Amino acid sequence: MRVLALDYGQARCGCALSDPTGTLATPIAVIPRPGTPRGLAALEGLVREREVDHVIVGLPLSLRGQDTDQTRETRAFAQQLSLRLGPGMPVEMHDERFTTRIAQRAEGAARASEDSRAAAHLLESWLAARSPRV
């Protein structure tokens, strides 16, 4: 299962993609202005081109786990993306607290944008939460 994770922001959306086995998360290029028609079309193209089976959108809750203005905006974006992709493509939200901080501290992936590194951490978290415990 190939999963696309998105770290949404009005100006740009960080993106990360899992390998087909759903094990590894790799940051990829950001999508500028993702909430615009052009940005949504670029995301739709990415989903089709990379044969994505599932989309994860980072949910920016407050440190106390509550909604903020950014949380509400991100939920609206996820809804808009879900409508654009259609009923056959699951779009799920996942807690993204601390992913940007972790991405800021990541040394080895300097070539990838901070937004896409944050999306990769989000994806790793989502994948780990779904992996069978041994």
Protein backbone atom coordinates (compact mmCIF):
# COMPACT_ATOMS: atom_id res chain seq x y z
CA MET A 1 0.00 0.00 0.00
CA ARG A 2 1.48 3.34 -1.06
CA VAL A 3 0.64 6.22 1.29
CA LEU A 4 1.04 9.97 0.70
CA ALA A 5 1.42 12.20 3.77
CA LEU A 6 0.77 15.94 3.58
CA ASP A 7 1.95 18.67 5.95
CA TYR A 8 -0.56 21.34 4.92
CA GLY A 9 0.12 25.04 4.97
CA GLN A 10 -1.49 27.84 2.95
CA ALA A 11 1.75 28.73 1.19
CA ARG A 12 3.04 25.20 0.61
CA CYS A 13 2.31 21.60 1.42
CA GLY A 14 5.11 19.26 2.45
CA CYS A 15 4.77 15.81 0.92
CA ALA A 16 6.17 12.40 1.76
CA LEU A 17 5.55 9.06 0.10
CA SER A 18 5.80 5.54 1.44
CA ASP A 19 7.37 2.72 -0.50
CA PRO A 20 4.90 0.16 -1.92
CA THR A 21 5.29 -2.05 1.16
CA GLY A 22 4.22 0.81 3.45
CA THR A 23 7.47 0.60 5.40
CA LEU A 24 9.66 3.56 4.44
CA ALA A 25 8.77 7.26 4.26
CA THR A 26 10.58 9.52 1.79
CA PRO A 27 10.17 13.30 1.60
CA ILE A 28 9.36 14.55 -1.91
CA ALA A 29 8.85 18.00 -3.46
CA VAL A 30 6.43 20.46 -1.86
CA ILE A 31 3.23 21.56 -3.58
CA PRO A 32 2.84 25.36 -3.60
CA ARG A 33 -0.50 26.87 -2.51
CA PRO A 34 -2.24 23.50 -2.06
CA GLY A 35 -5.69 24.93 -1.32
CA THR A 36 -5.96 26.63 -4.71
CA PRO A 37 -7.40 24.93 -7.80
CA ARG A 38 -3.87 24.60 -9.21
CA GLY A 39 -2.55 23.16 -5.94
CA LEU A 40 -5.41 20.66 -5.65
CA ALA A 41 -4.84 19.62 -9.28
CA ALA A 42 -1.13 19.08 -8.53
CA LEU A 43 -2.00 16.92 -5.52
CA GLU A 44 -4.50 14.94 -7.56
CA GLY A 45 -1.85 14.41 -10.23
CA LEU A 46 0.64 13.27 -7.61
CA VAL A 47 -1.84 10.74 -6.21
CA ARG A 48 -2.52 9.32 -9.69
CA GLU A 49 1.10 9.43 -10.91
CA ARG A 50 2.54 7.76 -7.81
CA GLU A 51 -0.32 5.24 -7.56
CA VAL A 52 -1.21 6.30 -4.02
CA ASP A 53 -3.70 4.14 -2.13
CA HIS A 54 -4.20 6.31 0.97
CA VAL A 55 -3.66 9.99 1.85
CA ILE A 56 -2.77 11.23 5.33
CA VAL A 57 -3.11 14.92 6.23
CA GLY A 58 -1.33 16.19 9.33
CA LEU A 59 -3.76 17.45 11.98
CA PRO A 60 -2.22 20.47 13.75
CA LEU A 61 -3.74 20.22 17.21
CA SER A 62 -2.64 22.48 20.05
CA LEU A 63 -0.24 21.03 22.62
CA ARG A 64 -3.31 20.27 24.74
CA GLY A 65 -4.90 18.36 21.87
CA GLN A 66 -7.47 21.03 21.05
CA ASP A 67 -8.52 22.55 17.76
CA THR A 68 -7.08 25.90 16.66
CA ASP A 69 -7.77 28.14 13.67
CA GLN A 70 -5.06 26.20 11.78
CA THR A 71 -6.74 22.91 12.74
CA ARG A 72 -10.05 24.09 11.32
CA GLU A 73 -8.39 25.34 8.13
CA THR A 74 -6.57 22.02 7.71
CA ARG A 75 -9.78 20.05 8.23
CA ALA A 76 -11.44 22.16 5.51
CA PHE A 77 -8.48 21.51 3.18
CA ALA A 78 -8.66 17.74 3.84
CA GLN A 79 -12.39 17.79 3.06
CA GLN A 80 -11.78 19.73 -0.15
CA LEU A 81 -9.02 17.28 -1.17
CA SER A 82 -11.23 14.29 -0.37
CA LEU A 83 -13.99 15.65 -2.60
CA ARG A 84 -11.45 16.28 -5.37
CA LEU A 85 -10.00 12.75 -5.16
CA GLY A 86 -13.36 11.03 -4.92
CA PRO A 87 -14.86 8.33 -2.72
CA GLY A 88 -12.34 5.65 -3.75
CA MET A 89 -9.40 7.48 -2.15
CA PRO A 90 -9.28 7.51 1.66
CA VAL A 91 -8.13 10.84 3.11
CA GLU A 92 -7.39 10.54 6.82
CA MET A 93 -6.11 13.02 9.37
CA HIS A 94 -3.34 12.16 11.83
CA ASP A 95 -1.93 14.12 14.77
CA GLU A 96 1.13 16.03 13.59
CA ARG A 97 2.24 17.62 16.86
CA PHE A 98 6.03 18.00 17.00
CA THR A 99 6.68 16.86 13.40
CA THR A 100 7.94 20.31 12.39
CA ARG A 101 10.27 20.46 15.41
CA ILE A 102 11.64 17.03 14.59
CA ALA A 103 12.12 18.05 10.95
CA GLN A 104 13.96 21.21 12.03
CA ARG A 105 16.41 19.10 14.00
CA ALA A 106 16.94 16.47 11.29
CA GLU A 107 20.47 16.82 9.96
CA GLY A 108 20.73 14.12 7.31
CA ALA A 109 17.86 15.11 5.04
CA ALA A 110 18.93 18.69 4.36
CA ARG A 111 18.16 18.37 0.64
CA ALA A 112 14.45 17.90 1.34
CA SER A 113 12.39 20.88 2.43
CA GLU A 114 11.53 21.21 6.10
CA ASP A 115 7.83 20.87 5.21
CA SER A 116 8.41 17.57 3.39
CA ARG A 117 10.65 16.27 6.19
CA ALA A 118 7.78 17.05 8.59
CA ALA A 119 5.43 15.12 6.27
CA ALA A 120 7.88 12.18 6.35
CA HIS A 121 7.85 12.18 10.17
CA LEU A 122 4.05 12.31 10.08
CA LEU A 123 4.01 9.34 7.72
CA GLU A 124 6.47 7.38 9.87
CA SER A 125 4.24 7.99 12.89
CA TRP A 126 1.13 6.86 11.00
CA LEU A 127 2.86 3.75 9.64
CA ALA A 128 4.24 2.83 13.08
CA ALA A 129 0.78 3.18 14.64
CA ARG A 130 -0.57 0.65 12.15
CA SER A 131 2.27 -1.88 12.14
CA PRO A 132 1.64 -5.14 13.96
CA ARG A 133 3.34 -5.34 17.35
CA VAL A 134 5.84 -8.16 17.63
